[in-house]
C-alpha atoms as a PDB file:
ATOM      1  CA  MET A   1     230.242  29.141 277.376  1.00  0.00           C
ATOM      2  CA  THR A   2     229.827  25.369 278.491  1.00  0.00           C
ATOM      3  CA  LEU A   3     227.060  22.971 277.804  1.00  0.00           C
ATOM      4  CA  GLN A   4     225.566  23.968 281.098  1.00  0.00           C
ATOM      5  CA  ASP A   5     224.809  27.036 279.584  1.00  0.00           C
ATOM      6  CA  LEU A   6     222.036  25.655 277.230  1.00  0.00           C
ATOM      7  CA  SER A   7     218.957  24.705 277.824  1.00  0.00           C
ATOM      8  CA  PRO A   8     218.524  21.054 276.374  1.00  0.00           C
ATOM      9  CA  ALA A   9     215.042  20.450 274.473  1.00  0.00           C
ATOM     10  CA  SER A  10     214.096  16.857 274.985  1.00  0.00           C
ATOM     11  CA  THR A  11     212.005  14.605 272.751  1.00  0.00           C
ATOM     12  CA  ASP A  12     210.896  12.305 275.951  1.00  0.00           C
ATOM     13  CA  ALA A  13     207.140  12.920 276.994  1.00  0.00           C
ATOM     14  CA  PRO A  14     206.417  15.483 279.189  1.00  0.00           C
ATOM     15  CA  THR A  15     207.432  15.323 283.072  1.00  0.00           C
ATOM     16  CA  GLU A  16     204.773  13.818 285.420  1.00  0.00           C
ATOM     17  CA  PRO A  17     202.446  16.026 287.446  1.00  0.00           C
ATOM     18  CA  ALA A  18     203.659  17.035 290.380  1.00  0.00           C
ATOM     19  CA  ARG A  19     203.024  14.646 293.499  1.00  0.00           C
ATOM     20  CA  ALA A  20     201.424  16.335 296.443  1.00  0.00           C
ATOM     21  CA  GLU A  21     204.598  16.413 298.494  1.00  0.00           C
ATOM     22  CA  GLU A  22     206.270  18.536 295.741  1.00  0.00           C
ATOM     23  CA  SER A  23     205.506  22.380 295.313  1.00  0.00           C
ATOM     24  CA  PRO A  24     204.677  23.510 291.868  1.00  0.00           C
ATOM     25  CA  ASP A  25     207.866  25.023 291.400  1.00  0.00           C
ATOM     26  CA  GLU A  26     209.725  22.018 292.241  1.00  0.00           C
ATOM     27  CA  ALA A  27     207.986  19.997 289.813  1.00  0.00           C
ATOM     28  CA  GLU A  28     208.823  22.581 287.316  1.00  0.00           C
ATOM     29  CA  ALA A  29     212.404  22.385 287.897  1.00  0.00           C
ATOM     30  CA  GLN A  30     212.937  18.919 287.044  1.00  0.00           C
ATOM     31  CA  LEU A  31     216.616  18.027 286.905  1.00  0.00           C
ATOM     32  CA  THR A  32     217.449  16.804 283.508  1.00  0.00           C
ATOM     33  CA  ALA A  33     220.816  15.281 282.687  1.00  0.00           C
ATOM     34  CA  VAL A  34     222.100  16.297 279.181  1.00  0.00           C
ATOM     35  CA  ALA A  35     225.821  15.607 277.977  1.00  0.00           C
ATOM     36  CA  GLY A  36     227.464  14.306 281.551  1.00  0.00           C
ATOM     37  CA  THR A  37     225.847  17.430 283.432  1.00  0.00           C
ATOM     38  CA  ARG A  38     222.950  18.078 285.269  1.00  0.00           C
ATOM     39  CA  THR A  39     220.786  21.014 284.631  1.00  0.00           C
ATOM     40  CA  ALA A  40     217.533  22.561 286.073  1.00  0.00           C
ATOM     41  CA  ALA A  41     215.239  22.595 282.830  1.00  0.00           C
ATOM     42  CA  ARG A  42     211.489  22.892 281.852  1.00  0.00           C
ATOM     43  CA  ARG A  43     211.061  19.799 279.292  1.00  0.00           C
ATOM     44  CA  THR A  44     209.544  20.211 276.323  1.00  0.00           C
ATOM     45  CA  THR A  45     209.015  17.968 273.104  1.00  0.00           C
ATOM     46  CA  VAL A  46     210.028  18.475 269.783  1.00  0.00           C
ATOM     47  CA  THR A  47     208.899  17.146 266.395  1.00  0.00           C
ATOM     48  CA  PHE A  48     210.668  16.710 263.463  1.00  0.00           C
ATOM     49  CA  TYR A  49     211.249  14.703 260.321  1.00  0.00           C
ATOM     50  CA  LEU A  50     214.012  12.713 259.191  1.00  0.00           C
ATOM     51  CA  SER A  51     214.606   9.889 256.795  1.00  0.00           C
ATOM     52  CA  GLU A  52     214.060   5.994 258.136  1.00  0.00           C
ATOM     53  CA  THR A  53     217.793   5.309 257.290  1.00  0.00           C
ATOM     54  CA  LEU A  54     219.150   7.913 259.395  1.00  0.00           C
ATOM     55  CA  ARG A  55     216.424   7.197 261.891  1.00  0.00           C
ATOM     56  CA  ASN A  56     217.797   3.522 261.825  1.00  0.00           C
ATOM     57  CA  ARG A  57     221.418   4.583 261.806  1.00  0.00           C
ATOM     58  CA  ALA A  58     220.849   6.860 264.509  1.00  0.00           C
ATOM     59  CA  ARG A  59     219.216   3.979 266.716  1.00  0.00           C
ATOM     60  CA  ALA A  60     222.046   1.728 265.833  1.00  0.00           C
ATOM     61  CA  ALA A  61     224.576   4.168 267.416  1.00  0.00           C
ATOM     62  CA  TYR A  62     222.482   4.352 270.642  1.00  0.00           C
ATOM     63  CA  ARG A  63     221.905   1.199 270.918  1.00  0.00           C
ATOM     64  CA  SER A  64     225.599   0.243 270.413  1.00  0.00           C
ATOM     65  CA  THR A  65     226.997   2.983 272.441  1.00  0.00           C
ATOM     66  CA  SER A  66     225.012   4.128 274.862  1.00  0.00           C
ATOM     67  CA  PHE A  67     226.674   2.385 278.284  1.00  0.00           C
ATOM     68  CA  GLU A  68     229.927   3.519 276.762  1.00  0.00           C
ATOM     69  CA  GLU A  69     228.692   7.037 276.669  1.00  0.00           C
ATOM     70  CA  LYS A  70     226.715   7.359 279.307  1.00  0.00           C
ATOM     71  CA  ASP A  71     223.413   8.185 277.680  1.00  0.00           C
ATOM     72  CA  SER A  72     220.793   7.693 279.913  1.00  0.00           C
ATOM     73  CA  SER A  73     218.119   7.769 277.146  1.00  0.00           C
ATOM     74  CA  TRP A  74     217.481   7.912 273.462  1.00  0.00           C
ATOM     75  CA  SER A  75     216.756  11.657 274.140  1.00  0.00           C
ATOM     76  CA  GLU A  76     219.684  12.560 275.670  1.00  0.00           C
ATOM     77  CA  MET A  77     221.923  11.359 273.001  1.00  0.00           C
ATOM     78  CA  LEU A  78     219.628  13.466 270.669  1.00  0.00           C
ATOM     79  CA  ASN A  79     220.036  16.338 273.116  1.00  0.00           C
ATOM     80  CA  LYS A  80     223.753  15.891 272.773  1.00  0.00           C
ATOM     81  CA  ALA A  81     223.754  15.792 269.084  1.00  0.00           C
ATOM     82  CA  LEU A  82     221.621  18.987 268.966  1.00  0.00           C
ATOM     83  CA  ILE A  83     224.034  20.985 271.130  1.00  0.00           C
ATOM     84  CA  ALA A  84     227.203  20.131 269.250  1.00  0.00           C
ATOM     85  CA  GLU A  85     225.686  21.514 266.231  1.00  0.00           C
ATOM     86  CA  VAL A  86     224.146  24.660 267.958  1.00  0.00           C
ATOM     87  CA  GLU A  87     227.489  25.170 269.627  1.00  0.00           C
ATOM     88  CA  ARG A  88     229.285  24.772 266.152  1.00  0.00           C
ATOM     89  CA  ARG A  89     226.900  27.687 264.446  1.00  0.00           C
ATOM     90  CA  GLU A  90     227.211  29.827 267.413  1.00  0.00           C
ATOM     91  CA  ALA A  91     231.189  29.633 267.107  1.00  0.00           C
ATOM     92  CA  GLU A  92     231.201  29.603 263.180  1.00  0.00           C
ATOM     93  CA  TYR A  93     228.781  32.754 263.243  1.00  0.00           C
ATOM     94  CA  ASN A  94     228.483  34.394 266.529  1.00  0.00           C
ATOM     95  CA  ARG A  95     232.019  34.219 268.206  1.00  0.00           C
ATOM     96  CA  GLY A  96     231.076  31.511 270.046  1.00  0.00           C
ATOM     97  CA  GLU A  97     228.297  33.658 271.834  1.00  0.00           C
ATOM     98  CA  MET A  98     224.654  32.116 272.245  1.00  0.00           C
ATOM     99  CA  PHE A  99     222.104  33.577 269.551  1.00  0.00           C
ATOM    100  CA  ALA A 100     219.155  35.091 271.411  1.00  0.00           C
ATOM    101  CA  ALA A 101     216.606  33.047 272.194  1.00  0.00           C
ATOM    102  CA  SER A 102     213.040  33.719 271.157  1.00  0.00           C
ATOM    103  CA  GLU A 103     209.684  31.758 271.897  1.00  0.00           C
ATOM    104  CA  ALA A 104     208.503  33.220 268.800  1.00  0.00           C
ATOM    105  CA  PRO A 105     207.072  30.230 266.135  1.00  0.00           C
ATOM    106  CA  LEU A 106     209.414  29.063 263.165  1.00  0.00           C
ATOM    107  CA  THR A 107     208.419  30.115 259.532  1.00  0.00           C
ATOM    108  CA  PRO A 108     206.488  27.212 258.283  1.00  0.00           C
ATOM    109  CA  GLY A 109     207.202  25.797 254.938  1.00  0.00           C
ATOM    110  CA  ARG A 110     210.388  25.063 253.215  1.00  0.00           C
ATOM    111  CA  PRO A 111     212.892  28.077 252.772  1.00  0.00           C
ATOM    112  CA  ILE A 112     213.388  29.311 249.217  1.00  0.00           C
ATOM    113  CA  GLY A 113     216.210  29.442 247.918  1.00  0.00           C
ATOM    114  CA  PHE A 114     218.336  26.669 248.821  1.00  0.00           C
END
């Protein structure tokens, strides 16, 4: 499996509506750069909580390294981090295979027993 196999999520705002010269299919299949690759993917927003300290640390890392890492945006860096963790878990718990994707909502609230 490679990074190209994963559909990236994004924290950017949704893509712009289709322009008159674009067909709806072309507008939906926007090209998104993630981890140095280009893949056609429908983008979505994700909201989650993190500590202010971690956010500031990540922003400092982005500001200090985005040019060298060729990050086109803050969202691209966050996509790279998420992909790295997903691939680690797939390797550890699913023999390197992708887990079956689902549109089902996640269970709300805190997990019990941690």
